[in-house]
Amino acid sequence: MRLNDKIDLMRPLSSAVPGALAELLRAAPLSPGKVTFAWRAAVGPALERETAVRLEGTTLIVDAATRQWAQEVRRASTLILRRMDTLLGPDTVKELTVRERRM
C-alpha cells in the first residue's frame, strides 16, 4: 500500500468525536448537568447561551431568551431531538417544549 492510499483511508479526528462523546454521555447517569452538556453539544454555544433547559420526564423544556430564539429552536426541533437521542440514548427525550423566558 502506498502512502497516498493510506492517506485516503484516514478520517479526520472531528468525525470520531461525536461518536465518542455520545458513548461517554450515554454511560453517565442522567443528571441536570448531563442534559445541559448534551444540549450544548446538540445546539452549539450560541443557542445554548440564549436558552436554559431541563428534562421533565421525557420532555425537554427549553426556555428561550427571546421570541426569535424560541422560533429558532422550534424550527430546528427535529434535528435537535435526533441529536439529543444520539447523545443521551433512545427515548430519553421524546418531546421538546419551547417557551419564551420571562425576563
N, C-alpha and C. Protein backbone atom coordinates (compact mmCIF):
# COMPACT_ATOMS: atom_id res chain seq x y z
N MET A 1 0.85 -1.17 0.00
CA MET A 1 0.00 0.00 0.00
C MET A 1 0.90 1.24 0.00
N ARG A 2 0.62 2.15 -0.88
CA ARG A 2 1.41 3.38 -0.97
C ARG A 2 0.93 4.40 0.05
N LEU A 3 1.76 5.40 0.33
CA LEU A 3 1.45 6.43 1.30
C LEU A 3 0.15 7.16 0.95
N ASN A 4 -0.04 7.50 -0.31
CA ASN A 4 -1.27 8.19 -0.73
C ASN A 4 -2.51 7.34 -0.49
N ASP A 5 -2.39 6.03 -0.64
CA ASP A 5 -3.52 5.14 -0.37
C ASP A 5 -3.88 5.17 1.12
N LYS A 6 -2.86 5.21 1.98
CA LYS A 6 -3.10 5.27 3.43
C LYS A 6 -3.74 6.60 3.81
N ILE A 7 -3.29 7.67 3.20
CA ILE A 7 -3.87 8.99 3.48
C ILE A 7 -5.33 9.02 3.09
N ASP A 8 -5.68 8.39 1.96
CA ASP A 8 -7.08 8.35 1.52
C ASP A 8 -7.97 7.61 2.52
N LEU A 9 -7.40 6.66 3.26
CA LEU A 9 -8.17 5.88 4.23
C LEU A 9 -8.34 6.60 5.56
N MET A 10 -7.55 7.62 5.80
CA MET A 10 -7.61 8.34 7.07
C MET A 10 -8.86 9.21 7.14
N ARG A 11 -9.41 9.30 8.32
CA ARG A 11 -10.57 10.16 8.56
C ARG A 11 -10.16 11.25 9.54
N PRO A 12 -10.73 12.44 9.42
CA PRO A 12 -10.38 13.49 10.38
C PRO A 12 -10.85 13.12 11.78
N LEU A 13 -10.11 13.58 12.78
CA LEU A 13 -10.45 13.32 14.17
C LEU A 13 -11.85 13.83 14.49
N SER A 14 -12.23 14.94 13.87
CA SER A 14 -13.55 15.53 14.15
C SER A 14 -14.69 14.58 13.81
N SER A 15 -14.47 13.63 12.91
CA SER A 15 -15.53 12.68 12.57
C SER A 15 -15.71 11.63 13.67
N ALA A 16 -14.70 11.41 14.49
CA ALA A 16 -14.79 10.42 15.57
C ALA A 16 -15.33 11.01 16.86
N VAL A 17 -15.19 12.31 17.05
CA VAL A 17 -15.56 12.95 18.31
C VAL A 17 -17.04 12.79 18.64
N PRO A 18 -17.98 13.04 17.71
CA PRO A 18 -19.40 12.89 18.08
C PRO A 18 -19.74 11.49 18.60
N GLY A 19 -19.21 10.46 17.97
CA GLY A 19 -19.48 9.10 18.42
C GLY A 19 -18.88 8.82 19.79
N ALA A 20 -17.68 9.29 20.00
CA ALA A 20 -17.03 9.09 21.30
C ALA A 20 -17.76 9.86 22.39
N LEU A 21 -18.18 11.08 22.09
CA LEU A 21 -18.93 11.89 23.05
C LEU A 21 -20.25 11.21 23.41
N ALA A 22 -20.93 10.69 22.42
CA ALA A 22 -22.21 10.00 22.67
C ALA A 22 -22.00 8.79 23.56
N GLU A 23 -20.95 8.02 23.32
CA GLU A 23 -20.67 6.84 24.15
C GLU A 23 -20.41 7.24 25.60
N LEU A 24 -19.62 8.28 25.81
CA LEU A 24 -19.33 8.74 27.17
C LEU A 24 -20.58 9.25 27.87
N LEU A 25 -21.39 10.03 27.16
CA LEU A 25 -22.59 10.59 27.77
C LEU A 25 -23.60 9.50 28.13
N ARG A 26 -23.82 8.56 27.22
CA ARG A 26 -24.80 7.51 27.49
C ARG A 26 -24.42 6.68 28.71
N ALA A 27 -23.12 6.52 28.96
CA ALA A 27 -22.67 5.71 30.09
C ALA A 27 -22.84 6.42 31.43
N ALA A 28 -22.90 7.75 31.41
CA ALA A 28 -23.03 8.52 32.66
C ALA A 28 -24.48 8.52 33.14
N PRO A 29 -24.70 8.60 34.45
CA PRO A 29 -26.07 8.67 34.97
C PRO A 29 -26.76 9.96 34.51
N LEU A 30 -28.05 9.88 34.30
CA LEU A 30 -28.83 11.04 33.87
C LEU A 30 -28.88 12.07 35.00
N SER A 31 -28.50 13.30 34.68
CA SER A 31 -28.49 14.37 35.66
C SER A 31 -28.75 15.68 34.93
N PRO A 32 -29.11 16.74 35.66
CA PRO A 32 -29.29 18.05 35.01
C PRO A 32 -28.02 18.50 34.27
N GLY A 33 -26.85 18.24 34.85
CA GLY A 33 -25.60 18.61 34.20
C GLY A 33 -25.38 17.87 32.89
N LYS A 34 -25.74 16.60 32.88
CA LYS A 34 -25.60 15.79 31.67
C LYS A 34 -26.53 16.31 30.58
N VAL A 35 -27.75 16.65 30.95
CA VAL A 35 -28.72 17.18 29.99
C VAL A 35 -28.23 18.51 29.42
N THR A 36 -27.72 19.38 30.28
CA THR A 36 -27.22 20.67 29.84
C THR A 36 -26.01 20.50 28.92
N PHE A 37 -25.12 19.59 29.26
CA PHE A 37 -23.95 19.32 28.43
C PHE A 37 -24.37 18.80 27.06
N ALA A 38 -25.31 17.86 27.04
CA ALA A 38 -25.80 17.31 25.77
C ALA A 38 -26.49 18.40 24.95
N TRP A 39 -27.22 19.28 25.62
CA TRP A 39 -27.89 20.39 24.93
C TRP A 39 -26.86 21.26 24.20
N ARG A 40 -25.82 21.62 24.92
CA ARG A 40 -24.77 22.46 24.30
C ARG A 40 -24.13 21.75 23.11
N ALA A 41 -23.86 20.46 23.26
CA ALA A 41 -23.26 19.70 22.17
C ALA A 41 -24.22 19.60 20.98
N ALA A 42 -25.51 19.53 21.25
CA ALA A 42 -26.50 19.38 20.19
C ALA A 42 -26.78 20.68 19.44
N VAL A 43 -26.75 21.81 20.15
CA VAL A 43 -27.17 23.08 19.52
C VAL A 43 -26.05 24.08 19.31
N GLY A 44 -24.93 23.88 19.96
CA GLY A 44 -23.82 24.82 19.82
C GLY A 44 -23.86 25.91 20.88
N PRO A 45 -22.73 26.61 21.05
CA PRO A 45 -22.61 27.58 22.14
C PRO A 45 -23.52 28.82 21.99
N ALA A 46 -23.77 29.28 20.77
CA ALA A 46 -24.59 30.49 20.60
C ALA A 46 -26.02 30.25 21.06
N LEU A 47 -26.63 29.17 20.61
CA LEU A 47 -28.01 28.87 21.01
C LEU A 47 -28.07 28.46 22.48
N GLU A 48 -27.05 27.78 22.95
CA GLU A 48 -27.02 27.37 24.36
C GLU A 48 -27.00 28.59 25.28
N ARG A 49 -26.28 29.65 24.89
CA ARG A 49 -26.23 30.88 25.71
C ARG A 49 -27.59 31.56 25.82
N GLU A 50 -28.43 31.38 24.82
CA GLU A 50 -29.72 32.07 24.77
C GLU A 50 -30.87 31.21 25.26
N THR A 51 -30.56 30.05 25.83
CA THR A 51 -31.60 29.14 26.30
C THR A 51 -31.21 28.53 27.64
N ALA A 52 -32.20 28.01 28.33
CA ALA A 52 -32.00 27.19 29.53
C ALA A 52 -32.86 25.95 29.33
N VAL A 53 -32.35 24.79 29.73
CA VAL A 53 -33.09 23.54 29.52
C VAL A 53 -33.18 22.74 30.80
N ARG A 54 -34.22 21.95 30.86
CA ARG A 54 -34.36 20.96 31.93
C ARG A 54 -35.24 19.83 31.39
N LEU A 55 -35.02 18.65 31.92
CA LEU A 55 -35.77 17.48 31.50
C LEU A 55 -36.82 17.16 32.54
N GLU A 56 -38.06 17.10 32.11
CA GLU A 56 -39.18 16.68 32.98
C GLU A 56 -39.76 15.42 32.38
N GLY A 57 -39.47 14.29 33.00
CA GLY A 57 -39.86 13.01 32.41
C GLY A 57 -39.09 12.82 31.13
N THR A 58 -39.80 12.72 30.01
CA THR A 58 -39.13 12.60 28.71
C THR A 58 -39.33 13.86 27.86
N THR A 59 -39.79 14.93 28.51
CA THR A 59 -39.98 16.21 27.81
C THR A 59 -38.85 17.17 28.16
N LEU A 60 -38.20 17.68 27.13
CA LEU A 60 -37.16 18.68 27.34
C LEU A 60 -37.81 20.05 27.28
N ILE A 61 -37.76 20.77 28.39
CA ILE A 61 -38.32 22.12 28.48
C ILE A 61 -37.20 23.09 28.10
N VAL A 62 -37.45 23.90 27.08
CA VAL A 62 -36.47 24.87 26.62
C VAL A 62 -37.03 26.27 26.84
N ASP A 63 -36.36 27.04 27.68
CA ASP A 63 -36.73 28.44 27.89
C ASP A 63 -35.78 29.29 27.07
N ALA A 64 -36.32 29.98 26.06
CA ALA A 64 -35.51 30.81 25.16
C ALA A 64 -35.55 32.26 25.63
N ALA A 65 -34.45 32.98 25.42
CA ALA A 65 -34.32 34.37 25.89
C ALA A 65 -35.28 35.32 25.17
N THR A 66 -35.58 35.04 23.89
CA THR A 66 -36.46 35.91 23.10
C THR A 66 -37.37 35.07 22.23
N ARG A 67 -38.34 35.72 21.65
CA ARG A 67 -39.26 35.05 20.72
C ARG A 67 -38.48 34.51 19.52
N GLN A 68 -37.50 35.27 19.05
CA GLN A 68 -36.72 34.83 17.89
C GLN A 68 -35.93 33.55 18.18
N TRP A 69 -35.33 33.49 19.37
CA TRP A 69 -34.59 32.27 19.73
C TRP A 69 -35.56 31.10 19.91
N ALA A 70 -36.73 31.36 20.45
CA ALA A 70 -37.73 30.30 20.60
C ALA A 70 -38.13 29.76 19.22
N GLN A 71 -38.30 30.65 18.26
CA GLN A 71 -38.65 30.23 16.89
C GLN A 71 -37.52 29.41 16.27
N GLU A 72 -36.29 29.80 16.54
CA GLU A 72 -35.14 29.07 16.00
C GLU A 72 -35.11 27.65 16.56
N VAL A 73 -35.37 27.50 17.85
CA VAL A 73 -35.39 26.17 18.46
C VAL A 73 -36.52 25.34 17.85
N ARG A 74 -37.70 25.93 17.70
CA ARG A 74 -38.83 25.20 17.10
C ARG A 74 -38.50 24.77 15.68
N ARG A 75 -37.89 25.67 14.92
CA ARG A 75 -37.54 25.37 13.52
C ARG A 75 -36.58 24.18 13.44
N ALA A 76 -35.65 24.11 14.37
CA ALA A 76 -34.63 23.06 14.35
C ALA A 76 -34.98 21.86 15.24
N SER A 77 -36.19 21.81 15.76
CA SER A 77 -36.53 20.80 16.77
C SER A 77 -36.32 19.36 16.32
N THR A 78 -36.61 19.04 15.07
CA THR A 78 -36.42 17.67 14.59
C THR A 78 -34.95 17.28 14.65
N LEU A 79 -34.08 18.14 14.19
CA LEU A 79 -32.64 17.89 14.23
C LEU A 79 -32.14 17.83 15.68
N ILE A 80 -32.61 18.75 16.50
CA ILE A 80 -32.20 18.78 17.91
C ILE A 80 -32.60 17.49 18.62
N LEU A 81 -33.83 17.04 18.41
CA LEU A 81 -34.29 15.80 19.04
C LEU A 81 -33.45 14.61 18.59
N ARG A 82 -33.11 14.57 17.33
CA ARG A 82 -32.28 13.49 16.80
C ARG A 82 -30.89 13.51 17.46
N ARG A 83 -30.32 14.70 17.61
CA ARG A 83 -29.00 14.80 18.25
C ARG A 83 -29.07 14.44 19.73
N MET A 84 -30.12 14.89 20.42
CA MET A 84 -30.27 14.55 21.84
C MET A 84 -30.44 13.04 22.01
N ASP A 85 -31.16 12.42 21.09
CA ASP A 85 -31.35 10.98 21.12
C ASP A 85 -30.01 10.26 20.98
N THR A 86 -29.17 10.76 20.09
CA THR A 86 -27.84 10.18 19.90
C THR A 86 -26.98 10.36 21.14
N LEU A 87 -27.05 11.53 21.74
CA LEU A 87 -26.18 11.84 22.89
C LEU A 87 -26.64 11.21 24.20
N LEU A 88 -27.96 11.20 24.43
CA LEU A 88 -28.47 10.72 25.72
C LEU A 88 -29.02 9.30 25.67
N GLY A 89 -29.23 8.78 24.48
CA GLY A 89 -29.81 7.45 24.34
C GLY A 89 -31.25 7.54 23.88
N PRO A 90 -31.69 6.47 23.24
CA PRO A 90 -33.05 6.47 22.69
C PRO A 90 -34.11 6.63 23.78
N ASP A 91 -35.11 7.40 23.45
CA ASP A 91 -36.29 7.61 24.31
C ASP A 91 -36.02 8.40 25.58
N THR A 92 -34.82 8.97 25.75
CA THR A 92 -34.58 9.83 26.91
C THR A 92 -35.35 11.12 26.74
N VAL A 93 -35.29 11.69 25.54
CA VAL A 93 -36.05 12.90 25.21
C VAL A 93 -36.99 12.54 24.07
N LYS A 94 -38.29 12.57 24.35
CA LYS A 94 -39.28 12.24 23.33
C LYS A 94 -39.97 13.48 22.78
N GLU A 95 -39.92 14.57 23.54
CA GLU A 95 -40.66 15.78 23.16
C GLU A 95 -39.88 17.01 23.58
N LEU A 96 -40.07 18.08 22.83
CA LEU A 96 -39.43 19.36 23.11
C LEU A 96 -40.53 20.39 23.31
N THR A 97 -40.51 21.09 24.43
CA THR A 97 -41.44 22.18 24.67
C THR A 97 -40.64 23.46 24.76
N VAL A 98 -40.97 24.43 23.92
CA VAL A 98 -40.21 25.67 23.85
C VAL A 98 -41.06 26.81 24.38
N ARG A 99 -40.45 27.60 25.27
CA ARG A 99 -41.14 28.76 25.84
C ARG A 99 -40.23 29.97 25.75
N GLU A 100 -40.84 31.14 25.72
CA GLU A 100 -40.06 32.37 25.78
C GLU A 100 -39.85 32.71 27.24
N ARG A 101 -38.60 32.86 27.61
CA ARG A 101 -38.26 33.15 29.01
C ARG A 101 -38.75 34.55 29.36
N ARG A 102 -39.29 34.67 30.53
CA ARG A 102 -39.74 35.99 31.02
C ARG A 102 -38.59 36.63 31.78
N MET A 103 -38.18 37.80 31.35
CA MET A 103 -37.05 38.49 31.99
C MET A 103 -37.56 39.43 33.08
